[in-house]
Full PDB file with SEQRES, HELIX, SHEET, SSBOND, CRYST1, ORIGX, SCALE, CONECT and MASTER records, all heavy atoms in Angstrom:
SEQRES   1 A   34  GLN PHE GLY LYS LEU THR ASP ASP ASP LEU LEU GLU ILE          
SEQRES   2 A   34  GLY GLY LYS ILE GLU VAL LEU VAL GLY LYS LEU GLN GLU          
SEQRES   3 A   34  HIS TYR ASP MET SER LEU GLU GLU                              
HELIX    1 AA1 ASP A    7  ILE A   13  1                                   7    
HELIX    2 AA2 ILE A   17  TYR A   28  1                                  12    
CRYST1    1.000    1.000    1.000  90.00  90.00  90.00 P 1           1          
ORIGX1      1.000000  0.000000  0.000000        0.00000                         
ORIGX2      0.000000  1.000000  0.000000        0.00000                         
ORIGX3      0.000000  0.000000  1.000000        0.00000                         
SCALE1      1.000000  0.000000  0.000000        0.00000                         
SCALE2      0.000000  1.000000  0.000000        0.00000                         
SCALE3      0.000000  0.000000  1.000000        0.00000                         
ATOM      1  N   GLN A   1       0.816  -1.207   0.000  1.00  0.00           N  
ATOM      2  CA  GLN A   1       0.000   0.000   0.000  1.00  0.00           C  
ATOM      3  C   GLN A   1       0.851   1.259   0.000  1.00  0.00           C  
ATOM      4  O   GLN A   1       0.522   2.236  -0.647  1.00  0.00           O  
ATOM      5  CB  GLN A   1      -0.927  -0.003   1.219  1.00  0.00           C  
ATOM      6  CG  GLN A   1      -1.874   1.166   1.262  1.00  0.00           C  
ATOM      7  CD  GLN A   1      -2.857   1.172   0.098  1.00  0.00           C  
ATOM      8  OE1 GLN A   1      -3.384   0.137  -0.274  1.00  0.00           O  
ATOM      9  NE2 GLN A   1      -3.091   2.332  -0.471  1.00  0.00           N  
ATOM     10  N   PHE A   2       1.943   1.221   0.755  1.00  0.00           N  
ATOM     11  CA  PHE A   2       2.809   2.380   0.905  1.00  0.00           C  
ATOM     12  C   PHE A   2       4.187   2.023   0.358  1.00  0.00           C  
ATOM     13  O   PHE A   2       5.122   1.749   1.102  1.00  0.00           O  
ATOM     14  CB  PHE A   2       2.894   2.805   2.373  1.00  0.00           C  
ATOM     15  CG  PHE A   2       1.555   3.107   2.980  1.00  0.00           C  
ATOM     16  CD1 PHE A   2       1.004   2.276   3.928  1.00  0.00           C  
ATOM     17  CD2 PHE A   2       0.844   4.238   2.596  1.00  0.00           C  
ATOM     18  CE1 PHE A   2      -0.228   2.557   4.497  1.00  0.00           C  
ATOM     19  CE2 PHE A   2      -0.390   4.528   3.152  1.00  0.00           C  
ATOM     20  CZ  PHE A   2      -0.930   3.684   4.105  1.00  0.00           C  
ATOM     21  N   GLY A   3       4.305   2.007  -0.955  1.00  0.00           N  
ATOM     22  CA  GLY A   3       5.502   1.534  -1.643  1.00  0.00           C  
ATOM     23  C   GLY A   3       6.768   2.323  -1.379  1.00  0.00           C  
ATOM     24  O   GLY A   3       7.861   1.839  -1.656  1.00  0.00           O  
ATOM     25  N   LYS A   4       6.639   3.521  -0.838  1.00  0.00           N  
ATOM     26  CA  LYS A   4       7.830   4.307  -0.540  1.00  0.00           C  
ATOM     27  C   LYS A   4       8.519   3.845   0.746  1.00  0.00           C  
ATOM     28  O   LYS A   4       9.636   4.263   1.017  1.00  0.00           O  
ATOM     29  CB  LYS A   4       7.481   5.790  -0.424  1.00  0.00           C  
ATOM     30  CG  LYS A   4       7.065   6.417  -1.738  1.00  0.00           C  
ATOM     31  CD  LYS A   4       6.780   7.897  -1.579  1.00  0.00           C  
ATOM     32  CE  LYS A   4       6.323   8.525  -2.877  1.00  0.00           C  
ATOM     33  NZ  LYS A   4       6.026   9.961  -2.705  1.00  0.00           N  
ATOM     34  N   LEU A   5       7.857   2.999   1.522  1.00  0.00           N  
ATOM     35  CA  LEU A   5       8.485   2.471   2.734  1.00  0.00           C  
ATOM     36  C   LEU A   5       9.508   1.420   2.353  1.00  0.00           C  
ATOM     37  O   LEU A   5       9.223   0.517   1.564  1.00  0.00           O  
ATOM     38  CB  LEU A   5       7.435   1.859   3.668  1.00  0.00           C  
ATOM     39  CG  LEU A   5       6.395   2.811   4.253  1.00  0.00           C  
ATOM     40  CD1 LEU A   5       5.381   2.032   5.077  1.00  0.00           C  
ATOM     41  CD2 LEU A   5       7.043   3.900   5.081  1.00  0.00           C  
ATOM     42  N   THR A   6      10.687   1.535   2.910  1.00  0.00           N  
ATOM     43  CA  THR A   6      11.759   0.584   2.611  1.00  0.00           C  
ATOM     44  C   THR A   6      11.702  -0.593   3.583  1.00  0.00           C  
ATOM     45  O   THR A   6      10.996  -0.550   4.594  1.00  0.00           O  
ATOM     46  CB  THR A   6      13.128   1.268   2.744  1.00  0.00           C  
ATOM     47  OG1 THR A   6      13.327   1.615   4.118  1.00  0.00           O  
ATOM     48  CG2 THR A   6      13.226   2.503   1.862  1.00  0.00           C  
ATOM     49  N   ASP A   7      12.482  -1.626   3.275  1.00  0.00           N  
ATOM     50  CA  ASP A   7      12.590  -2.758   4.193  1.00  0.00           C  
ATOM     51  C   ASP A   7      13.127  -2.297   5.546  1.00  0.00           C  
ATOM     52  O   ASP A   7      12.675  -2.770   6.591  1.00  0.00           O  
ATOM     53  CB  ASP A   7      13.493  -3.852   3.612  1.00  0.00           C  
ATOM     54  CG  ASP A   7      12.854  -4.559   2.428  1.00  0.00           C  
ATOM     55  OD1 ASP A   7      11.608  -4.584   2.334  1.00  0.00           O  
ATOM     56  OD2 ASP A   7      13.596  -5.090   1.589  1.00  0.00           O  
ATOM     57  N   ASP A   8      14.084  -1.374   5.528  1.00  0.00           N  
ATOM     58  CA  ASP A   8      14.615  -0.833   6.781  1.00  0.00           C  
ATOM     59  C   ASP A   8      13.535  -0.095   7.560  1.00  0.00           C  
ATOM     60  O   ASP A   8      13.479  -0.192   8.790  1.00  0.00           O  
ATOM     61  CB  ASP A   8      15.799   0.095   6.521  1.00  0.00           C  
ATOM     62  CG  ASP A   8      17.052  -0.649   6.090  1.00  0.00           C  
ATOM     63  OD1 ASP A   8      17.143  -1.874   6.347  1.00  0.00           O  
ATOM     64  OD2 ASP A   8      17.937  -0.015   5.493  1.00  0.00           O  
ATOM     65  N   ASP A   9      12.675   0.644   6.854  1.00  0.00           N  
ATOM     66  CA  ASP A   9      11.562   1.327   7.519  1.00  0.00           C  
ATOM     67  C   ASP A   9      10.663   0.317   8.217  1.00  0.00           C  
ATOM     68  O   ASP A   9      10.268   0.509   9.369  1.00  0.00           O  
ATOM     69  CB  ASP A   9      10.718   2.120   6.509  1.00  0.00           C  
ATOM     70  CG  ASP A   9      11.413   3.338   5.948  1.00  0.00           C  
ATOM     71  OD1 ASP A   9      12.289   3.913   6.639  1.00  0.00           O  
ATOM     72  OD2 ASP A   9      11.089   3.717   4.807  1.00  0.00           O  
ATOM     73  N   LEU A  10      10.333  -0.754   7.504  1.00  0.00           N  
ATOM     74  CA  LEU A  10       9.440  -1.764   8.072  1.00  0.00           C  
ATOM     75  C   LEU A  10      10.054  -2.427   9.298  1.00  0.00           C  
ATOM     76  O   LEU A  10       9.356  -2.708  10.271  1.00  0.00           O  
ATOM     77  CB  LEU A  10       9.080  -2.803   7.015  1.00  0.00           C  
ATOM     78  CG  LEU A  10       8.275  -2.263   5.836  1.00  0.00           C  
ATOM     79  CD1 LEU A  10       8.101  -3.333   4.776  1.00  0.00           C  
ATOM     80  CD2 LEU A  10       6.934  -1.718   6.280  1.00  0.00           C  
ATOM     81  N   LEU A  11      11.359  -2.659   9.254  1.00  0.00           N  
ATOM     82  CA  LEU A  11      12.031  -3.210  10.435  1.00  0.00           C  
ATOM     83  C   LEU A  11      11.970  -2.234  11.599  1.00  0.00           C  
ATOM     84  O   LEU A  11      11.719  -2.625  12.743  1.00  0.00           O  
ATOM     85  CB  LEU A  11      13.485  -3.548  10.118  1.00  0.00           C  
ATOM     86  CG  LEU A  11      13.737  -4.809   9.314  1.00  0.00           C  
ATOM     87  CD1 LEU A  11      15.212  -4.903   8.918  1.00  0.00           C  
ATOM     88  CD2 LEU A  11      13.325  -6.033  10.102  1.00  0.00           C  
ATOM     89  N   GLU A  12      12.197  -0.966  11.308  1.00  0.00           N  
ATOM     90  CA  GLU A  12      12.166   0.059  12.351  1.00  0.00           C  
ATOM     91  C   GLU A  12      10.757   0.218  12.927  1.00  0.00           C  
ATOM     92  O   GLU A  12      10.582   0.390  14.130  1.00  0.00           O  
ATOM     93  CB  GLU A  12      12.645   1.394  11.791  1.00  0.00           C  
ATOM     94  CG  GLU A  12      12.762   2.477  12.834  1.00  0.00           C  
ATOM     95  CD  GLU A  12      13.281   3.782  12.256  1.00  0.00           C  
ATOM     96  OE1 GLU A  12      13.889   3.777  11.165  1.00  0.00           O  
ATOM     97  OE2 GLU A  12      13.063   4.812  12.911  1.00  0.00           O  
ATOM     98  N   ILE A  13       9.755   0.156  12.064  1.00  0.00           N  
ATOM     99  CA  ILE A  13       8.368   0.303  12.513  1.00  0.00           C  
ATOM    100  C   ILE A  13       8.011  -0.815  13.476  1.00  0.00           C  
ATOM    101  O   ILE A  13       7.485  -0.554  14.558  1.00  0.00           O  
ATOM    102  CB  ILE A  13       7.402   0.333  11.309  1.00  0.00           C  
ATOM    103  CG1 ILE A  13       7.642   1.594  10.490  1.00  0.00           C  
ATOM    104  CG2 ILE A  13       5.951   0.232  11.772  1.00  0.00           C  
ATOM    105  CD1 ILE A  13       7.009   1.585   9.112  1.00  0.00           C  
ATOM    106  N   GLY A  14       8.292  -2.042  13.098  1.00  0.00           N  
ATOM    107  CA  GLY A  14       8.093  -3.187  13.982  1.00  0.00           C  
ATOM    108  C   GLY A  14       6.733  -3.264  14.641  1.00  0.00           C  
ATOM    109  O   GLY A  14       6.613  -3.767  15.750  1.00  0.00           O  
ATOM    110  N   GLY A  15       5.695  -2.755  13.986  1.00  0.00           N  
ATOM    111  CA  GLY A  15       4.354  -2.803  14.553  1.00  0.00           C  
ATOM    112  C   GLY A  15       3.993  -1.612  15.414  1.00  0.00           C  
ATOM    113  O   GLY A  15       2.888  -1.537  15.933  1.00  0.00           O  
ATOM    114  N   LYS A  16       4.921  -0.678  15.564  1.00  0.00           N  
ATOM    115  CA  LYS A  16       4.646   0.518  16.377  1.00  0.00           C  
ATOM    116  C   LYS A  16       3.918   1.546  15.518  1.00  0.00           C  
ATOM    117  O   LYS A  16       4.478   2.097  14.575  1.00  0.00           O  
ATOM    118  CB  LYS A  16       5.940   1.091  16.934  1.00  0.00           C  
ATOM    119  CG  LYS A  16       6.644   0.152  17.895  1.00  0.00           C  
ATOM    120  CD  LYS A  16       7.889   0.831  18.435  1.00  0.00           C  
ATOM    121  CE  LYS A  16       9.036  -0.109  18.447  1.00  0.00           C  
ATOM    122  NZ  LYS A  16       9.910  -0.206  17.335  1.00  0.00           N  
ATOM    123  N   ILE A  17       2.682   1.789  15.856  1.00  0.00           N  
ATOM    124  CA  ILE A  17       1.819   2.656  15.058  1.00  0.00           C  
ATOM    125  C   ILE A  17       2.382   4.064  14.956  1.00  0.00           C  
ATOM    126  O   ILE A  17       2.376   4.671  13.880  1.00  0.00           O  
ATOM    127  CB  ILE A  17       0.389   2.690  15.647  1.00  0.00           C  
ATOM    128  CG1 ILE A  17      -0.203   1.275  15.683  1.00  0.00           C  
ATOM    129  CG2 ILE A  17      -0.496   3.642  14.869  1.00  0.00           C  
ATOM    130  CD1 ILE A  17      -0.203   0.539  14.374  1.00  0.00           C  
ATOM    131  N   GLU A  18       2.911   4.601  16.051  1.00  0.00           N  
ATOM    132  CA  GLU A  18       3.429   5.971  16.018  1.00  0.00           C  
ATOM    133  C   GLU A  18       4.629   6.091  15.087  1.00  0.00           C  
ATOM    134  O   GLU A  18       4.831   7.123  14.438  1.00  0.00           O  
ATOM    135  CB  GLU A  18       3.778   6.487  17.428  1.00  0.00           C  
ATOM    136  CG  GLU A  18       4.883   5.743  18.123  1.00  0.00           C  
ATOM    137  CD  GLU A  18       4.475   4.433  18.804  1.00  0.00           C  
ATOM    138  OE1 GLU A  18       3.288   4.083  18.814  1.00  0.00           O  
ATOM    139  OE2 GLU A  18       5.372   3.753  19.328  1.00  0.00           O  
ATOM    140  N   VAL A  19       5.418   5.030  14.969  1.00  0.00           N  
ATOM    141  CA  VAL A  19       6.561   5.050  14.048  1.00  0.00           C  
ATOM    142  C   VAL A  19       6.062   4.964  12.607  1.00  0.00           C  
ATOM    143  O   VAL A  19       6.563   5.670  11.729  1.00  0.00           O  
ATOM    144  CB  VAL A  19       7.564   3.917  14.372  1.00  0.00           C  
ATOM    145  CG1 VAL A  19       8.730   3.925  13.393  1.00  0.00           C  
ATOM    146  CG2 VAL A  19       8.074   4.037  15.804  1.00  0.00           C  
ATOM    147  N   LEU A  20       5.046   4.145  12.360  1.00  0.00           N  
ATOM    148  CA  LEU A  20       4.445   4.060  11.027  1.00  0.00           C  
ATOM    149  C   LEU A  20       3.898   5.417  10.605  1.00  0.00           C  
ATOM    150  O   LEU A  20       4.142   5.872   9.483  1.00  0.00           O  
ATOM    151  CB  LEU A  20       3.331   3.006  11.003  1.00  0.00           C  
ATOM    152  CG  LEU A  20       2.516   2.885   9.711  1.00  0.00           C  
ATOM    153  CD1 LEU A  20       3.406   2.618   8.510  1.00  0.00           C  
ATOM    154  CD2 LEU A  20       1.446   1.818   9.857  1.00  0.00           C  
ATOM    155  N   VAL A  21       3.213   6.097  11.503  1.00  0.00           N  
ATOM    156  CA  VAL A  21       2.683   7.428  11.205  1.00  0.00           C  
ATOM    157  C   VAL A  21       3.827   8.372  10.839  1.00  0.00           C  
ATOM    158  O   VAL A  21       3.748   9.116   9.858  1.00  0.00           O  
ATOM    159  CB  VAL A  21       1.858   7.964  12.395  1.00  0.00           C  
ATOM    160  CG1 VAL A  21       1.563   9.450  12.235  1.00  0.00           C  
ATOM    161  CG2 VAL A  21       0.563   7.183  12.548  1.00  0.00           C  
ATOM    162  N   GLY A  22       4.891   8.340  11.612  1.00  0.00           N  
ATOM    163  CA  GLY A  22       6.044   9.199  11.331  1.00  0.00           C  
ATOM    164  C   GLY A  22       6.679   8.905   9.991  1.00  0.00           C  
ATOM    165  O   GLY A  22       7.071   9.823   9.257  1.00  0.00           O  
ATOM    166  N   LYS A  23       6.796   7.628   9.661  1.00  0.00           N  
ATOM    167  CA  LYS A  23       7.383   7.255   8.361  1.00  0.00           C  
ATOM    168  C   LYS A  23       6.499   7.709   7.203  1.00  0.00           C  
ATOM    169  O   LYS A  23       6.996   8.123   6.159  1.00  0.00           O  
ATOM    170  CB  LYS A  23       7.617   5.738   8.290  1.00  0.00           C  
ATOM    171  CG  LYS A  23       8.708   5.248   9.212  1.00  0.00           C  
ATOM    172  CD  LYS A  23      10.049   5.797   8.797  1.00  0.00           C  
ATOM    173  CE  LYS A  23      11.154   5.286   9.680  1.00  0.00           C  
ATOM    174  NZ  LYS A  23      12.454   5.869   9.333  1.00  0.00           N  
ATOM    175  N   LEU A  24       5.178   7.626   7.379  1.00  0.00           N  
ATOM    176  CA  LEU A  24       4.280   8.100   6.328  1.00  0.00           C  
ATOM    177  C   LEU A  24       4.423   9.606   6.157  1.00  0.00           C  
ATOM    178  O   LEU A  24       4.437  10.107   5.029  1.00  0.00           O  
ATOM    179  CB  LEU A  24       2.827   7.733   6.651  1.00  0.00           C  
ATOM    180  CG  LEU A  24       2.495   6.247   6.598  1.00  0.00           C  
ATOM    181  CD1 LEU A  24       1.032   6.022   6.975  1.00  0.00           C  
ATOM    182  CD2 LEU A  24       2.797   5.642   5.245  1.00  0.00           C  
ATOM    183  N   GLN A  25       4.552  10.325   7.268  1.00  0.00           N  
ATOM    184  CA  GLN A  25       4.777  11.773   7.180  1.00  0.00           C  
ATOM    185  C   GLN A  25       6.066  12.065   6.416  1.00  0.00           C  
ATOM    186  O   GLN A  25       6.106  12.953   5.560  1.00  0.00           O  
ATOM    187  CB  GLN A  25       4.875  12.380   8.581  1.00  0.00           C  
ATOM    188  CG  GLN A  25       3.563  12.474   9.312  1.00  0.00           C  
ATOM    189  CD  GLN A  25       3.767  13.107  10.667  1.00  0.00           C  
ATOM    190  OE1 GLN A  25       4.131  12.440  11.616  1.00  0.00           O  
ATOM    191  NE2 GLN A  25       3.543  14.401  10.742  1.00  0.00           N  
ATOM    192  N   GLU A  26       7.101  11.320   6.743  1.00  0.00           N  
ATOM    193  CA  GLU A  26       8.420  11.539   6.146  1.00  0.00           C  
ATOM    194  C   GLU A  26       8.426  11.232   4.649  1.00  0.00           C  
ATOM    195  O   GLU A  26       8.900  12.034   3.841  1.00  0.00           O  
ATOM    196  CB  GLU A  26       9.430  10.653   6.879  1.00  0.00           C  
ATOM    197  CG  GLU A  26      10.833  10.714   6.365  1.00  0.00           C  
ATOM    198  CD  GLU A  26      11.751   9.745   7.094  1.00  0.00           C  
ATOM    199  OE1 GLU A  26      11.478   9.412   8.269  1.00  0.00           O  
ATOM    200  OE2 GLU A  26      12.734   9.320   6.477  1.00  0.00           O  
ATOM    201  N   HIS A  27       7.914  10.067   4.275  1.00  0.00           N  
ATOM    202  CA  HIS A  27       8.024   9.615   2.884  1.00  0.00           C  
ATOM    203  C   HIS A  27       6.950  10.190   1.959  1.00  0.00           C  
ATOM    204  O   HIS A  27       7.157  10.269   0.753  1.00  0.00           O  
ATOM    205  CB  HIS A  27       7.982   8.094   2.811  1.00  0.00           C  
ATOM    206  CG  HIS A  27       9.212   7.430   3.349  1.00  0.00           C  
ATOM    207  ND1 HIS A  27      10.436   7.521   2.731  1.00  0.00           N  
ATOM    208  CD2 HIS A  27       9.406   6.676   4.466  1.00  0.00           C  
ATOM    209  CE1 HIS A  27      11.334   6.842   3.426  1.00  0.00           C  
ATOM    210  NE2 HIS A  27      10.721   6.327   4.488  1.00  0.00           N  
ATOM    211  N   TYR A  28       5.789  10.530   2.533  1.00  0.00           N  
ATOM    212  CA  TYR A  28       4.683  10.994   1.705  1.00  0.00           C  
ATOM    213  C   TYR A  28       4.346  12.461   1.940  1.00  0.00           C  
ATOM    214  O   TYR A  28       3.355  12.949   1.415  1.00  0.00           O  
ATOM    215  CB  TYR A  28       3.436  10.132   1.950  1.00  0.00           C  
ATOM    216  CG  TYR A  28       3.574   8.751   1.349  1.00  0.00           C  
ATOM    217  CD1 TYR A  28       4.098   7.696   2.098  1.00  0.00           C  
ATOM    218  CD2 TYR A  28       3.190   8.493   0.043  1.00  0.00           C  
ATOM    219  CE1 TYR A  28       4.235   6.430   1.561  1.00  0.00           C  
ATOM    220  CE2 TYR A  28       3.320   7.234  -0.515  1.00  0.00           C  
ATOM    221  CZ  TYR A  28       3.847   6.208   0.255  1.00  0.00           C  
ATOM    222  OH  TYR A  28       3.975   4.961  -0.298  1.00  0.00           O  
ATOM    223  N   ASP A  29       5.152  13.150   2.729  1.00  0.00           N  
ATOM    224  CA  ASP A  29       4.950  14.570   3.016  1.00  0.00           C  
ATOM    225  C   ASP A  29       3.522  14.835   3.485  1.00  0.00           C  
ATOM    226  O   ASP A  29       2.842  15.740   3.006  1.00  0.00           O  
ATOM    227  CB  ASP A  29       5.290  15.419   1.787  1.00  0.00           C  
ATOM    228  CG  ASP A  29       5.477  16.890   2.145  1.00  0.00           C  
ATOM    229  OD1 ASP A  29       5.907  17.178   3.277  1.00  0.00           O  
ATOM    230  OD2 ASP A  29       5.175  17.739   1.284  1.00  0.00           O  
ATOM    231  N   MET A  30       3.068  14.005   4.421  1.00  0.00           N  
ATOM    232  CA  MET A  30       1.725  14.122   4.981  1.00  0.00           C  
ATOM    233  C   MET A  30       1.777  14.918   6.276  1.00  0.00           C  
ATOM    234  O   MET A  30       2.786  14.912   6.981  1.00  0.00           O  
ATOM    235  CB  MET A  30       1.158  12.744   5.335  1.00  0.00           C  
ATOM    236  CG  MET A  30       0.882  11.828   4.201  1.00  0.00           C  
ATOM    237  SD  MET A  30       0.237  10.265   4.849  1.00  0.00           S  
ATOM    238  CE  MET A  30      -0.242   9.458   3.355  1.00  0.00           C  
ATOM    239  N   SER A  31       0.658  15.533   6.595  1.00  0.00           N  
ATOM    240  CA  SER A  31       0.520  16.138   7.920  1.00  0.00           C  
ATOM    241  C   SER A  31       0.290  15.008   8.919  1.00  0.00           C  
ATOM    242  O   SER A  31      -0.001  13.863   8.532  1.00  0.00           O  
ATOM    243  CB  SER A  31      -0.668  17.098   7.950  1.00  0.00           C  
ATOM    244  OG  SER A  31      -1.891  16.376   7.856  1.00  0.00           O  
ATOM    245  N   LEU A  32       0.406  15.317  10.184  1.00  0.00           N  
ATOM    246  CA  LEU A  32       0.152  14.318  11.225  1.00  0.00           C  
ATOM    247  C   LEU A  32      -1.258  13.762  11.085  1.00  0.00           C  
ATOM    248  O   LEU A  32      -1.466  12.544  11.152  1.00  0.00           O  
ATOM    249  CB  LEU A  32       0.355  14.930  12.614  1.00  0.00           C  
ATOM    250  CG  LEU A  32       0.032  14.033  13.804  1.00  0.00           C  
ATOM    251  CD1 LEU A  32       0.930  12.803  13.812  1.00  0.00           C  
ATOM    252  CD2 LEU A  32       0.164  14.801  15.109  1.00  0.00           C  
ATOM    253  N   GLU A  33      -2.213  14.635  10.856  1.00  0.00           N  
ATOM    254  CA  GLU A  33      -3.607  14.206  10.739  1.00  0.00           C  
ATOM    255  C   GLU A  33      -3.818  13.297   9.532  1.00  0.00           C  
ATOM    256  O   GLU A  33      -4.543  12.309   9.616  1.00  0.00           O  
ATOM    257  CB  GLU A  33      -4.533  15.431  10.647  1.00  0.00           C  
ATOM    258  CG  GLU A  33      -4.577  16.265  11.908  1.00  0.00           C  
ATOM    259  CD  GLU A  33      -3.367  17.196  12.070  1.00  0.00           C  
ATOM    260  OE1 GLU A  33      -2.648  17.468  11.072  1.00  0.00           O  
ATOM    261  OE2 GLU A  33      -3.130  17.644  13.205  1.00  0.00           O  
ATOM    262  N   GLU A  34      -3.180  13.619   8.410  1.00  0.00           N  
ATOM    263  CA  GLU A  34      -3.313  12.788   7.215  1.00  0.00           C  
ATOM    264  C   GLU A  34      -2.706  11.407   7.435  1.00  0.00           C  
ATOM    265  O   GLU A  34      -3.287  10.395   7.030  1.00  0.00           O  
ATOM    266  CB  GLU A  34      -2.625  13.450   6.022  1.00  0.00           C  
ATOM    267  CG  GLU A  34      -3.324  14.696   5.511  1.00  0.00           C  
ATOM    268  CD  GLU A  34      -2.497  15.447   4.482  1.00  0.00           C  
ATOM    269  OE1 GLU A  34      -1.253  15.485   4.603  1.00  0.00           O  
ATOM    270  OE2 GLU A  34      -3.116  16.008   3.556  1.00  0.00           O  
TER     271      GLU A  34                                                      
MASTER        0    0    0    2    0    0    0    6  270    1    0    3          
END                                                                             
């Protein structure tokens, strides 16, 4: 779904929702709410 996430990102996320949100902000230039 989020092809800009790298394998390293997925390892770092490790199921932590707040980290996933941060990575989406970083890679997709989203606001926190988005």
